[in-house]
């Protein structure tokens, strides 16, 4: 097998053929006990070459988000897990378990207008 063919079959980073295929299926990310209680600190997760952050919100729903805030790329791992979402430590944007921005404390527009 040529090196290019091997890369095509084994690389799973975002944007690769196998990476896109693997993202179509469920895969285990971490054990439930690693997110023991609602509003507990988040956990770092690395799947298919992507850095993610997992957390359990106030109602017990599990969220799995990009590890970095879309606003200024601050690491969400250092954010505060509070009242139904994970709040970025840098500017305070808050994301729910589904990844939606639900609060922007320093802006007059509502998160719904941002989507």
PDB file of N, CA and C in Angstrom:
ATOM      1  N   UNK A   1       0.847  -1.174   0.000  1.00  0.00           N
ATOM      2  CA  UNK A   1       0.000   0.000   0.000  1.00  0.00           C
ATOM      3  C   UNK A   1       0.895   1.240   0.000  1.00  0.00           C
ATOM      4  N   UNK A   2       0.562   2.188  -0.823  1.00  0.00           N
ATOM      5  CA  UNK A   2       1.317   3.438  -0.895  1.00  0.00           C
ATOM      6  C   UNK A   2       1.007   4.300   0.328  1.00  0.00           C
ATOM      7  N   UNK A   3       1.936   5.182   0.647  1.00  0.00           N
ATOM      8  CA  UNK A   3       1.771   6.060   1.812  1.00  0.00           C
ATOM      9  C   UNK A   3       0.512   6.915   1.685  1.00  0.00           C
ATOM     10  N   UNK A   4       0.206   7.392   0.488  1.00  0.00           N
ATOM     11  CA  UNK A   4      -0.982   8.223   0.281  1.00  0.00           C
ATOM     12  C   UNK A   4      -2.261   7.432   0.549  1.00  0.00           C
ATOM     13  N   UNK A   5      -2.269   6.172   0.118  1.00  0.00           N
ATOM     14  CA  UNK A   5      -3.437   5.318   0.349  1.00  0.00           C
ATOM     15  C   UNK A   5      -3.599   5.028   1.836  1.00  0.00           C
ATOM     16  N   UNK A   6      -2.467   4.792   2.506  1.00  0.00           N
ATOM     17  CA  UNK A   6      -2.499   4.536   3.942  1.00  0.00           C
ATOM     18  C   UNK A   6      -3.057   5.754   4.684  1.00  0.00           C
ATOM     19  N   UNK A   7      -2.600   6.945   4.320  1.00  0.00           N
ATOM     20  CA  UNK A   7      -3.112   8.175   4.944  1.00  0.00           C
ATOM     21  C   UNK A   7      -4.610   8.328   4.715  1.00  0.00           C
ATOM     22  N   UNK A   8      -5.062   8.015   3.511  1.00  0.00           N
ATOM     23  CA  UNK A   8      -6.480   8.126   3.184  1.00  0.00           C
ATOM     24  C   UNK A   8      -7.331   7.243   4.096  1.00  0.00           C
ATOM     25  N   UNK A   9      -6.813   6.063   4.439  1.00  0.00           N
ATOM     26  CA  UNK A   9      -7.566   5.115   5.263  1.00  0.00           C
ATOM     27  C   UNK A   9      -7.400   5.315   6.763  1.00  0.00           C
ATOM     28  N   UNK A  10      -6.320   5.946   7.184  1.00  0.00           N
ATOM     29  CA  UNK A  10      -6.041   5.995   8.625  1.00  0.00           C
ATOM     30  C   UNK A  10      -6.149   7.373   9.262  1.00  0.00           C
ATOM     31  N   UNK A  11      -6.050   8.436   8.505  1.00  0.00           N
ATOM     32  CA  UNK A  11      -6.148   9.780   9.103  1.00  0.00           C
ATOM     33  C   UNK A  11      -7.607  10.091   9.413  1.00  0.00           C
ATOM     34  N   UNK A  12      -7.867  10.552  10.629  1.00  0.00           N
ATOM     35  CA  UNK A  12      -9.247  10.826  11.052  1.00  0.00           C
ATOM     36  C   UNK A  12      -9.459  12.279  11.470  1.00  0.00           C
ATOM     37  N   UNK A  13      -8.511  13.148  11.178  1.00  0.00           N
ATOM     38  CA  UNK A  13      -8.678  14.566  11.505  1.00  0.00           C
ATOM     39  C   UNK A  13      -9.857  15.144  10.730  1.00  0.00           C
ATOM     40  N   UNK A  14     -10.319  16.295  11.153  1.00  0.00           N
ATOM     41  CA  UNK A  14     -11.407  16.978  10.445  1.00  0.00           C
ATOM     42  C   UNK A  14     -10.982  17.253   9.008  1.00  0.00           C
ATOM     43  N   UNK A  15     -11.889  17.031   8.083  1.00  0.00           N
ATOM     44  CA  UNK A  15     -11.615  17.290   6.682  1.00  0.00           C
ATOM     45  C   UNK A  15     -11.003  16.133   5.918  1.00  0.00           C
ATOM     46  N   UNK A  16     -10.701  15.031   6.593  1.00  0.00           N
ATOM     47  CA  UNK A  16     -10.167  13.856   5.900  1.00  0.00           C
ATOM     48  C   UNK A  16     -11.313  12.915   5.561  1.00  0.00           C
ATOM     49  N   UNK A  17     -11.089  12.063   4.571  1.00  0.00           N
ATOM     50  CA  UNK A  17     -12.150  11.142   4.144  1.00  0.00           C
ATOM     51  C   UNK A  17     -12.598  10.229   5.287  1.00  0.00           C
ATOM     52  N   UNK A  18     -11.660   9.590   5.963  1.00  0.00           N
ATOM     53  CA  UNK A  18     -12.022   8.683   7.053  1.00  0.00           C
ATOM     54  C   UNK A  18     -12.572   9.463   8.246  1.00  0.00           C
ATOM     55  N   UNK A  19     -12.045  10.651   8.491  1.00  0.00           N
ATOM     56  CA  UNK A  19     -12.557  11.483   9.576  1.00  0.00           C
ATOM     57  C   UNK A  19     -14.015  11.849   9.369  1.00  0.00           C
ATOM     58  N   UNK A  20     -14.370  12.205   8.144  1.00  0.00           N
ATOM     59  CA  UNK A  20     -15.766  12.542   7.847  1.00  0.00           C
ATOM     60  C   UNK A  20     -16.662  11.315   7.997  1.00  0.00           C
ATOM     61  N   UNK A  21     -16.183  10.152   7.560  1.00  0.00           N
ATOM     62  CA  UNK A  21     -16.958   8.918   7.704  1.00  0.00           C
ATOM     63  C   UNK A  21     -17.167   8.577   9.180  1.00  0.00           C
ATOM     64  N   UNK A  22     -16.104   8.635   9.982  1.00  0.00           N
ATOM     65  CA  UNK A  22     -16.200   8.293  11.406  1.00  0.00           C
ATOM     66  C   UNK A  22     -17.150   9.229  12.152  1.00  0.00           C
ATOM     67  N   UNK A  23     -17.272  10.461  11.734  1.00  0.00           N
ATOM     68  CA  UNK A  23     -18.145  11.427  12.398  1.00  0.00           C
ATOM     69  C   UNK A  23     -19.629  11.160  12.155  1.00  0.00           C
ATOM     70  N   UNK A  24     -19.924  10.206  11.294  1.00  0.00           N
ATOM     71  CA  UNK A  24     -21.311   9.817  11.027  1.00  0.00           C
ATOM     72  C   UNK A  24     -21.836   8.806  12.048  1.00  0.00           C
ATOM     73  N   UNK A  25     -20.973   8.299  12.916  1.00  0.00           N
ATOM     74  CA  UNK A  25     -21.348   7.229  13.840  1.00  0.00           C
ATOM     75  C   UNK A  25     -21.120   7.645  15.289  1.00  0.00           C
ATOM     76  N   UNK A  26     -21.872   7.010  16.191  1.00  0.00           N
ATOM     77  CA  UNK A  26     -21.682   7.222  17.622  1.00  0.00           C
ATOM     78  C   UNK A  26     -20.367   6.594  18.038  1.00  0.00           C
ATOM     79  N   UNK A  27     -19.694   7.213  18.999  1.00  0.00           N
ATOM     80  CA  UNK A  27     -18.482   6.631  19.566  1.00  0.00           C
ATOM     81  C   UNK A  27     -18.382   7.065  21.027  1.00  0.00           C
ATOM     82  N   UNK A  28     -17.823   6.203  21.861  1.00  0.00           N
ATOM     83  CA  UNK A  28     -17.677   6.587  23.272  1.00  0.00           C
ATOM     84  C   UNK A  28     -16.637   7.704  23.407  1.00  0.00           C
ATOM     85  N   UNK A  29     -16.946   8.662  24.255  1.00  0.00           N
ATOM     86  CA  UNK A  29     -16.043   9.791  24.461  1.00  0.00           C
ATOM     87  C   UNK A  29     -15.403   9.756  25.848  1.00  0.00           C
ATOM     88  N   UNK A  30     -16.181   9.398  26.858  1.00  0.00           N
ATOM     89  CA  UNK A  30     -15.691   9.296  28.222  1.00  0.00           C
ATOM     90  C   UNK A  30     -16.712   8.525  29.045  1.00  0.00           C
ATOM     91  N   UNK A  31     -16.304   8.101  30.213  1.00  0.00           N
ATOM     92  CA  UNK A  31     -17.209   7.377  31.107  1.00  0.00           C
ATOM     93  C   UNK A  31     -18.148   8.359  31.807  1.00  0.00           C
ATOM     94  N   UNK A  32     -19.357   7.932  32.054  1.00  0.00           N
ATOM     95  CA  UNK A  32     -20.340   8.778  32.729  1.00  0.00           C
ATOM     96  C   UNK A  32     -19.816   9.267  34.079  1.00  0.00           C
ATOM     97  N   UNK A  33     -19.069   8.432  34.773  1.00  0.00           N
ATOM     98  CA  UNK A  33     -18.553   8.823  36.090  1.00  0.00           C
ATOM     99  C   UNK A  33     -17.515   9.948  36.003  1.00  0.00           C
ATOM    100  N   UNK A  34     -17.015  10.228  34.796  1.00  0.00           N
ATOM    101  CA  UNK A  34     -16.074  11.331  34.630  1.00  0.00           C
ATOM    102  C   UNK A  34     -16.781  12.691  34.664  1.00  0.00           C
ATOM    103  N   UNK A  35     -18.106  12.664  34.547  1.00  0.00           N
ATOM    104  CA  UNK A  35     -18.944  13.859  34.721  1.00  0.00           C
ATOM    105  C   UNK A  35     -19.930  13.528  35.831  1.00  0.00           C
ATOM    106  N   UNK A  36     -19.476  13.504  37.067  1.00  0.00           N
ATOM    107  CA  UNK A  36     -20.233  12.912  38.161  1.00  0.00           C
ATOM    108  C   UNK A  36     -21.539  13.590  38.540  1.00  0.00           C
ATOM    109  N   UNK A  37     -21.608  14.895  38.464  1.00  0.00           N
ATOM    110  CA  UNK A  37     -22.794  15.588  38.969  1.00  0.00           C
ATOM    111  C   UNK A  37     -23.088  16.813  38.115  1.00  0.00           C
ATOM    112  N   UNK A  38     -24.344  17.239  38.107  1.00  0.00           N
ATOM    113  CA  UNK A  38     -24.673  18.479  37.397  1.00  0.00           C
ATOM    114  C   UNK A  38     -23.829  19.645  37.913  1.00  0.00           C
ATOM    115  N   UNK A  39     -23.425  20.487  37.001  1.00  0.00           N
ATOM    116  CA  UNK A  39     -22.639  21.685  37.292  1.00  0.00           C
ATOM    117  C   UNK A  39     -21.254  21.398  37.867  1.00  0.00           C
ATOM    118  N   UNK A  40     -20.773  20.147  37.726  1.00  0.00           N
ATOM    119  CA  UNK A  40     -19.404  19.804  38.132  1.00  0.00           C
ATOM    120  C   UNK A  40     -18.431  20.379  37.099  1.00  0.00           C
ATOM    121  N   UNK A  41     -17.161  20.452  37.428  1.00  0.00           N
ATOM    122  CA  UNK A  41     -16.195  20.976  36.456  1.00  0.00           C
ATOM    123  C   UNK A  41     -16.213  20.170  35.153  1.00  0.00           C
ATOM    124  N   UNK A  42     -15.940  20.819  34.030  1.00  0.00           N
ATOM    125  CA  UNK A  42     -15.929  20.125  32.741  1.00  0.00           C
ATOM    126  C   UNK A  42     -14.717  19.199  32.614  1.00  0.00           C
ATOM    127  N   UNK A  43     -14.753  18.346  31.598  1.00  0.00           N
ATOM    128  CA  UNK A  43     -13.658  17.408  31.334  1.00  0.00           C
ATOM    129  C   UNK A  43     -13.146  17.621  29.918  1.00  0.00           C
ATOM    130  N   UNK A  44     -11.844  17.478  29.753  1.00  0.00           N
ATOM    131  CA  UNK A  44     -11.253  17.550  28.411  1.00  0.00           C
ATOM    132  C   UNK A  44     -11.459  16.218  27.701  1.00  0.00           C
ATOM    133  N   UNK A  45     -11.741  16.292  26.394  1.00  0.00           N
ATOM    134  CA  UNK A  45     -11.940  15.099  25.570  1.00  0.00           C
ATOM    135  C   UNK A  45     -11.242  15.348  24.235  1.00  0.00           C
ATOM    136  N   UNK A  46     -10.588  14.325  23.715  1.00  0.00           N
ATOM    137  CA  UNK A  46      -9.990  14.417  22.378  1.00  0.00           C
ATOM    138  C   UNK A  46     -10.539  13.274  21.550  1.00  0.00           C
ATOM    139  N   UNK A  47     -11.254  13.608  20.481  1.00  0.00           N
ATOM    140  CA  UNK A  47     -11.841  12.611  19.586  1.00  0.00           C
ATOM    141  C   UNK A  47     -11.459  12.931  18.149  1.00  0.00           C
ATOM    142  N   UNK A  48     -10.953  11.949  17.454  1.00  0.00           N
ATOM    143  CA  UNK A  48     -10.639  12.083  16.031  1.00  0.00           C
ATOM    144  C   UNK A  48      -9.816  13.337  15.737  1.00  0.00           C
ATOM    145  N   UNK A  49      -8.850  13.605  16.608  1.00  0.00           N
ATOM    146  CA  UNK A  49      -7.955  14.734  16.396  1.00  0.00           C
ATOM    147  C   UNK A  49      -8.516  16.085  16.787  1.00  0.00           C
ATOM    148  N   UNK A  50      -9.705  16.116  17.367  1.00  0.00           N
ATOM    149  CA  UNK A  50     -10.310  17.388  17.767  1.00  0.00           C
ATOM    150  C   UNK A  50     -10.364  17.494  19.285  1.00  0.00           C
ATOM    151  N   UNK A  51     -10.020  18.669  19.794  1.00  0.00           N
ATOM    152  CA  UNK A  51     -10.114  18.927  21.227  1.00  0.00           C
ATOM    153  C   UNK A  51     -11.518  19.412  21.549  1.00  0.00           C
ATOM    154  N   UNK A  52     -12.127  18.760  22.548  1.00  0.00           N
ATOM    155  CA  UNK A  52     -13.499  19.058  22.954  1.00  0.00           C
ATOM    156  C   UNK A  52     -13.550  19.222  24.463  1.00  0.00           C
ATOM    157  N   UNK A  53     -14.664  19.716  24.960  1.00  0.00           N
ATOM    158  CA  UNK A  53     -14.903  19.811  26.392  1.00  0.00           C
ATOM    159  C   UNK A  53     -16.290  19.226  26.665  1.00  0.00           C
ATOM    160  N   UNK A  54     -16.371  18.383  27.691  1.00  0.00           N
ATOM    161  CA  UNK A  54     -17.638  17.752  28.071  1.00  0.00           C
ATOM    162  C   UNK A  54     -18.059  18.280  29.436  1.00  0.00           C
ATOM    163  N   UNK A  55     -19.373  18.416  29.615  1.00  0.00           N
ATOM    164  CA  UNK A  55     -19.891  18.878  30.902  1.00  0.00           C
ATOM    165  C   UNK A  55     -21.311  18.358  31.086  1.00  0.00           C
ATOM    166  N   UNK A  56     -21.760  18.338  32.324  1.00  0.00           N
ATOM    167  CA  UNK A  56     -23.135  17.961  32.659  1.00  0.00           C
ATOM    168  C   UNK A  56     -23.813  19.213  33.203  1.00  0.00           C
ATOM    169  N   UNK A  57     -24.905  19.641  32.538  1.00  0.00           N
ATOM    170  CA  UNK A  57     -25.560  20.886  32.954  1.00  0.00           C
ATOM    171  C   UNK A  57     -26.423  20.681  34.201  1.00  0.00           C
ATOM    172  N   UNK A  58     -27.095  21.722  34.621  1.00  0.00           N
ATOM    173  CA  UNK A  58     -27.886  21.694  35.856  1.00  0.00           C
ATOM    174  C   UNK A  58     -28.978  20.639  35.853  1.00  0.00           C
ATOM    175  N   UNK A  59     -29.509  20.316  34.673  1.00  0.00           N
ATOM    176  CA  UNK A  59     -30.566  19.302  34.594  1.00  0.00           C
ATOM    177  C   UNK A  59     -30.013  17.906  34.335  1.00  0.00           C
ATOM    178  N   UNK A  60     -28.693  17.763  34.265  1.00  0.00           N
ATOM    179  CA  UNK A  60     -28.075  16.458  34.069  1.00  0.00           C
ATOM    180  C   UNK A  60     -27.768  16.109  32.626  1.00  0.00           C
ATOM    181  N   UNK A  61     -28.146  16.979  31.676  1.00  0.00           N
ATOM    182  CA  UNK A  61     -27.837  16.715  30.261  1.00  0.00           C
ATOM    183  C   UNK A  61     -26.340  16.879  30.023  1.00  0.00           C
ATOM    184  N   UNK A  62     -25.793  16.006  29.183  1.00  0.00           N
ATOM    185  CA  UNK A  62     -24.370  16.062  28.865  1.00  0.00           C
ATOM    186  C   UNK A  62     -24.162  16.893  27.607  1.00  0.00           C
ATOM    187  N   UNK A  63     -23.204  17.795  27.674  1.00  0.00           N
ATOM    188  CA  UNK A  63     -22.825  18.600  26.520  1.00  0.00           C
ATOM    189  C   UNK A  63     -21.414  18.258  26.095  1.00  0.00           C
ATOM    190  N   UNK A  64     -21.166  18.279  24.796  1.00  0.00           N
ATOM    191  CA  UNK A  64     -19.834  18.042  24.241  1.00  0.00           C
ATOM    192  C   UNK A  64     -19.600  19.126  23.190  1.00  0.00           C
ATOM    193  N   UNK A  65     -18.722  20.067  23.510  1.00  0.00           N
ATOM    194  CA  UNK A  65     -18.509  21.248  22.671  1.00  0.00           C
ATOM    195  C   UNK A  65     -17.064  21.337  22.213  1.00  0.00           C
ATOM    196  N   UNK A  66     -16.841  22.143  21.185  1.00  0.00           N
ATOM    197  CA  UNK A  66     -15.478  22.490  20.795  1.00  0.00           C
ATOM    198  C   UNK A  66     -14.780  23.019  22.047  1.00  0.00           C
ATOM    199  N   UNK A  67     -13.521  22.702  22.219  1.00  0.00           N
ATOM    200  CA  UNK A  67     -12.801  23.093  23.428  1.00  0.00           C
ATOM    201  C   UNK A  67     -12.601  24.599  23.545  1.00  0.00           C
ATOM    202  N   UNK A  68     -12.812  25.320  22.439  1.00  0.00           N
ATOM    203  CA  UNK A  68     -12.522  26.749  22.444  1.00  0.00           C
ATOM    204  C   UNK A  68     -13.761  27.568  22.107  1.00  0.00           C
ATOM    205  N   UNK A  69     -13.966  28.629  22.854  1.00  0.00           N
ATOM    206  CA  UNK A  69     -15.099  29.527  22.638  1.00  0.00           C
ATOM    207  C   UNK A  69     -15.030  30.113  21.227  1.00  0.00           C
ATOM    208  N   UNK A  70     -16.146  30.157  20.509  1.00  0.00           N
ATOM    209  CA  UNK A  70     -16.124  30.700  19.150  1.00  0.00           C
ATOM    210  C   UNK A  70     -15.875  32.212  19.102  1.00  0.00           C
ATOM    211  N   UNK A  71     -16.016  32.879  20.229  1.00  0.00           N
ATOM    212  CA  UNK A  71     -15.847  34.331  20.259  1.00  0.00           C
ATOM    213  C   UNK A  71     -14.378  34.736  20.155  1.00  0.00           C
ATOM    214  N   UNK A  72     -13.556  34.329  21.114  1.00  0.00           N
ATOM    215  CA  UNK A  72     -12.136  34.704  21.135  1.00  0.00           C
ATOM    216  C   UNK A  72     -11.217  33.507  21.356  1.00  0.00           C
ATOM    217  N   UNK A  73     -11.754  32.312  21.189  1.00  0.00           N
ATOM    218  CA  UNK A  73     -10.992  31.066  21.274  1.00  0.00           C
ATOM    219  C   UNK A  73     -10.396  30.803  22.657  1.00  0.00           C
ATOM    220  N   UNK A  74     -10.992  31.341  23.705  1.00  0.00           N
ATOM    221  CA  UNK A  74     -10.563  31.015  25.063  1.00  0.00           C
ATOM    222  C   UNK A  74     -10.944  29.566  25.344  1.00  0.00           C
ATOM    223  N   UNK A  75     -10.160  28.885  26.150  1.00  0.00           N
ATOM    224  CA  UNK A  75     -10.409  27.473  26.420  1.00  0.00           C
ATOM    225  C   UNK A  75     -11.599  27.314  27.373  1.00  0.00           C
ATOM    226  N   UNK A  76     -12.645  26.646  26.903  1.00  0.00           N
ATOM    227  CA  UNK A  76     -13.867  26.466  27.698  1.00  0.00           C
ATOM    228  C   UNK A  76     -13.662  25.546  28.899  1.00  0.00           C
ATOM    229  N   UNK A  77     -12.606  24.758  28.894  1.00  0.00           N
ATOM    230  CA  UNK A  77     -12.307  23.900  30.041  1.00  0.00           C
ATOM    231  C   UNK A  77     -12.183  24.733  31.321  1.00  0.00           C
ATOM    232  N   UNK A  78     -11.700  25.938  31.198  1.00  0.00           N
ATOM    233  CA  UNK A  78     -11.525  26.808  32.363  1.00  0.00           C
ATOM    234  C   UNK A  78     -12.783  27.610  32.682  1.00  0.00           C
ATOM    235  N   UNK A  79     -13.841  27.397  31.903  1.00  0.00           N
ATOM    236  CA  UNK A  79     -15.096  28.104  32.120  1.00  0.00           C
ATOM    237  C   UNK A  79     -15.835  27.616  33.356  1.00  0.00           C
ATOM    238  N   UNK A  80     -16.931  28.278  33.655  1.00  0.00           N
ATOM    239  CA  UNK A  80     -17.735  27.952  34.835  1.00  0.00           C
ATOM    240  C   UNK A  80     -18.989  27.219  34.385  1.00  0.00           C
ATOM    241  N   UNK A  81     -19.211  26.037  34.930  1.00  0.00           N
ATOM    242  CA  UNK A  81     -20.400  25.241  34.641  1.00  0.00           C
ATOM    243  C   UNK A  81     -21.481  25.687  35.614  1.00  0.00           C
ATOM    244  N   UNK A  82     -22.484  26.387  35.105  1.00  0.00           N
ATOM    245  CA  UNK A  82     -23.461  27.018  35.992  1.00  0.00           C
ATOM    246  C   UNK A  82     -24.842  27.081  35.358  1.00  0.00           C
ATOM    247  N   UNK A  83     -25.862  26.936  36.134  1.00  0.00           N
ATOM    248  CA  UNK A  83     -27.257  27.219  35.763  1.00  0.00           C
ATOM    249  C   UNK A  83     -27.610  26.919  34.308  1.00  0.00           C
ATOM    250  N   UNK A  84     -27.422  25.683  33.909  1.00  0.00           N
ATOM    251  CA  UNK A  84     -27.875  25.261  32.588  1.00  0.00           C
ATOM    252  C   UNK A  84     -26.899  25.471  31.454  1.00  0.00           C
ATOM    253  N   UNK A  85     -25.631  25.715  31.756  1.00  0.00           N
ATOM    254  CA  UNK A  85     -24.679  25.877  30.666  1.00  0.00           C
ATOM    255  C   UNK A  85     -23.262  26.102  31.136  1.00  0.00           C
ATOM    256  N   UNK A  86     -22.371  26.149  30.170  1.00  0.00           N
ATOM    257  CA  UNK A  86     -20.952  26.363  30.426  1.00  0.00           C
ATOM    258  C   UNK A  86     -20.608  27.792  30.007  1.00  0.00           C
ATOM    259  N   UNK A  87     -20.096  28.576  30.962  1.00  0.00           N
ATOM    260  CA  UNK A  87     -19.808  29.993  30.716  1.00  0.00           C
ATOM    261  C   UNK A  87     -18.310  30.177  30.487  1.00  0.00           C
ATOM    262  N   UNK A  88     -17.975  30.815  29.367  1.00  0.00           N
ATOM    263  CA  UNK A  88     -16.583  31.100  29.026  1.00  0.00           C
ATOM    264  C   UNK A  88     -15.986  32.056  30.059  1.00  0.00           C
ATOM    265  N   UNK A  89     -14.797  31.744  30.486  1.00  0.00           N
ATOM    266  CA  UNK A  89     -14.149  32.548  31.517  1.00  0.00           C
ATOM    267  C   UNK A  89     -13.666  33.904  30.987  1.00  0.00           C
ATOM    268  N   UNK A  90     -13.511  34.029  29.674  1.00  0.00           N
ATOM    269  CA  UNK A  90     -12.939  35.257  29.103  1.00  0.00           C
ATOM    270  C   UNK A  90     -13.957  36.397  29.018  1.00  0.00           C
ATOM    271  N   UNK A  91     -15.020  36.236  28.239  1.00  0.00           N
ATOM    272  CA  UNK A  91     -16.023  37.294  28.105  1.00  0.00           C
ATOM    273  C   UNK A  91     -17.400  36.903  28.629  1.00  0.00           C
ATOM    274  N   UNK A  92     -17.539  35.707  29.167  1.00  0.00           N
ATOM    275  CA  UNK A  92     -18.787  35.337  29.819  1.00  0.00           C
ATOM    276  C   UNK A  92     -19.876  34.766  28.932  1.00  0.00           C
ATOM    277  N   UNK A  93     -19.567  34.455  27.675  1.00  0.00           N
ATOM    278  CA  UNK A  93     -20.588  33.833  26.836  1.00  0.00           C
ATOM    279  C   UNK A  93     -20.942  32.477  27.434  1.00  0.00           C
ATOM    280  N   UNK A  94     -22.225  32.137  27.408  1.00  0.00           N
ATOM    281  CA  UNK A  94     -22.688  30.883  28.014  1.00  0.00           C
ATOM    282  C   UNK A  94     -23.318  30.002  26.940  1.00  0.00           C
ATOM    283  N   UNK A  95     -22.956  28.701  26.959  1.00  0.00           N
ATOM    284  CA  UNK A  95     -23.428  27.733  25.977  1.00  0.00           C
ATOM    285  C   UNK A  95     -24.169  26.607  26.675  1.00  0.00           C
ATOM    286  N   UNK A  96     -25.312  26.215  26.106  1.00  0.00           N
ATOM    287  CA  UNK A  96     -26.059  25.104  26.696  1.00  0.00           C
ATOM    288  C   UNK A  96     -25.483  23.775  26.208  1.00  0.00           C
ATOM    289  N   UNK A  97     -26.054  22.667  26.679  1.00  0.00           N
ATOM    290  CA  UNK A  97     -25.543  21.336  26.346  1.00  0.00           C
ATOM    291  C   UNK A  97     -25.632  21.040  24.854  1.00  0.00           C
ATOM    292  N   UNK A  98     -26.498  21.716  24.141  1.00  0.00           N
ATOM    293  CA  UNK A  98     -26.610  21.537  22.697  1.00  0.00           C
ATOM    294  C   UNK A  98     -25.651  22.404  21.902  1.00  0.00           C
ATOM    295  N   UNK A  99     -24.868  23.232  22.595  1.00  0.00           N
ATOM    296  CA  UNK A  99     -23.895  24.085  21.934  1.00  0.00           C
ATOM    297  C   UNK A  99     -24.406  25.454  21.542  1.00  0.00           C
ATOM    298  N   UNK A 100     -25.646  25.763  21.880  1.00  0.00           N
ATOM    299  CA  UNK A 100     -26.212  27.071  21.538  1.00  0.00           C
ATOM    300  C   UNK A 100     -25.760  28.129  22.544  1.00  0.00           C
ATOM    301  N   UNK A 101     -25.442  29.309  22.034  1.00  0.00           N
ATOM    302  CA  UNK A 101     -25.108  30.423  22.912  1.00  0.00           C
ATOM    303  C   UNK A 101     -26.412  30.930  23.520  1.00  0.00           C
ATOM    304  N   UNK A 102     -26.514  30.891  24.839  1.00  0.00           N
ATOM    305  CA  UNK A 102     -27.758  31.269  25.512  1.00  0.00           C
ATOM    306  C   UNK A 102     -27.638  32.565  26.310  1.00  0.00           C
ATOM    307  N   UNK A 103     -26.426  33.103  26.424  1.00  0.00           N
ATOM    308  CA  UNK A 103     -26.262  34.358  27.155  1.00  0.00           C
ATOM    309  C   UNK A 103     -24.978  35.048  26.710  1.00  0.00           C
ATOM    310  N   UNK A 104     -25.102  36.334  26.409  1.00  0.00           N
ATOM    311  CA  UNK A 104     -23.959  37.196  26.106  1.00  0.00           C
ATOM    312  C   UNK A 104     -24.107  38.408  27.011  1.00  0.00           C
ATOM    313  N   UNK A 105     -23.471  38.401  28.188  1.00  0.00           N
ATOM    314  CA  UNK A 105     -23.730  39.442  29.180  1.00  0.00           C
ATOM    315  C   UNK A 105     -23.291  40.842  28.776  1.00  0.00           C
ATOM    316  N   UNK A 106     -22.389  40.984  27.829  1.00  0.00           N
ATOM    317  CA  UNK A 106     -21.879  42.312  27.481  1.00  0.00           C
ATOM    318  C   UNK A 106     -22.457  42.864  26.190  1.00  0.00           C
ATOM    319  N   UNK A 107     -23.499  42.231  25.658  1.00  0.00           N
ATOM    320  CA  UNK A 107     -24.047  42.656  24.373  1.00  0.00           C
ATOM    321  C   UNK A 107     -25.545  42.872  24.492  1.00  0.00           C
ATOM    322  N   UNK A 108     -26.053  43.818  23.716  1.00  0.00           N
ATOM    323  CA  UNK A 108     -27.484  44.100  23.759  1.00  0.00           C
ATOM    324  C   UNK A 108     -28.290  43.149  22.888  1.00  0.00           C
ATOM    325  N   UNK A 109     -27.643  42.422  21.954  1.00  0.00           N
ATOM    326  CA  UNK A 109     -28.398  41.475  21.127  1.00  0.00           C
ATOM    327  C   UNK A 109     -28.603  40.185  21.906  1.00  0.00           C
ATOM    328  N   UNK A 110     -29.696  39.532  21.642  1.00  0.00           N
ATOM    329  CA  UNK A 110     -29.986  38.273  22.319  1.00  0.00           C
ATOM    330  C   UNK A 110     -29.299  37.136  21.578  1.00  0.00           C
ATOM    331  N   UNK A 111     -28.978  36.027  22.258  1.00  0.00           N
ATOM    332  CA  UNK A 111     -28.355  34.886  21.594  1.00  0.00           C
ATOM    333  C   UNK A 111     -29.165  34.375  20.408  1.00  0.00           C
ATOM    334  N   UNK A 112     -30.487  34.481  20.453  1.00  0.00           N
ATOM    335  CA  UNK A 112     -31.319  34.010  19.342  1.00  0.00           C
ATOM    336  C   UNK A 112     -31.024  34.804  18.073  1.00  0.00           C
ATOM    337  N   UNK A 113     -30.683  36.085  18.216  1.00  0.00           N
ATOM    338  CA  UNK A 113     -30.357  36.913  17.058  1.00  0.00           C
ATOM    339  C   UNK A 113     -29.015  36.530  16.445  1.00  0.00           C
ATOM    340  N   UNK A 114     -28.170  35.869  17.221  1.00  0.00           N
ATOM    341  CA  UNK A 114     -26.837  35.500  16.755  1.00  0.00           C
ATOM    342  C   UNK A 114     -26.853  34.249  15.893  1.00  0.00           C
ATOM    343  N   UNK A 115     -27.881  33.425  15.989  1.00  0.00           N
ATOM    344  CA  UNK A 115     -27.890  32.151  15.279  1.00  0.00           C
ATOM    345  C   UNK A 115     -28.241  32.312  13.835  1.00  0.00           C
TER     346      UNK A 115
END
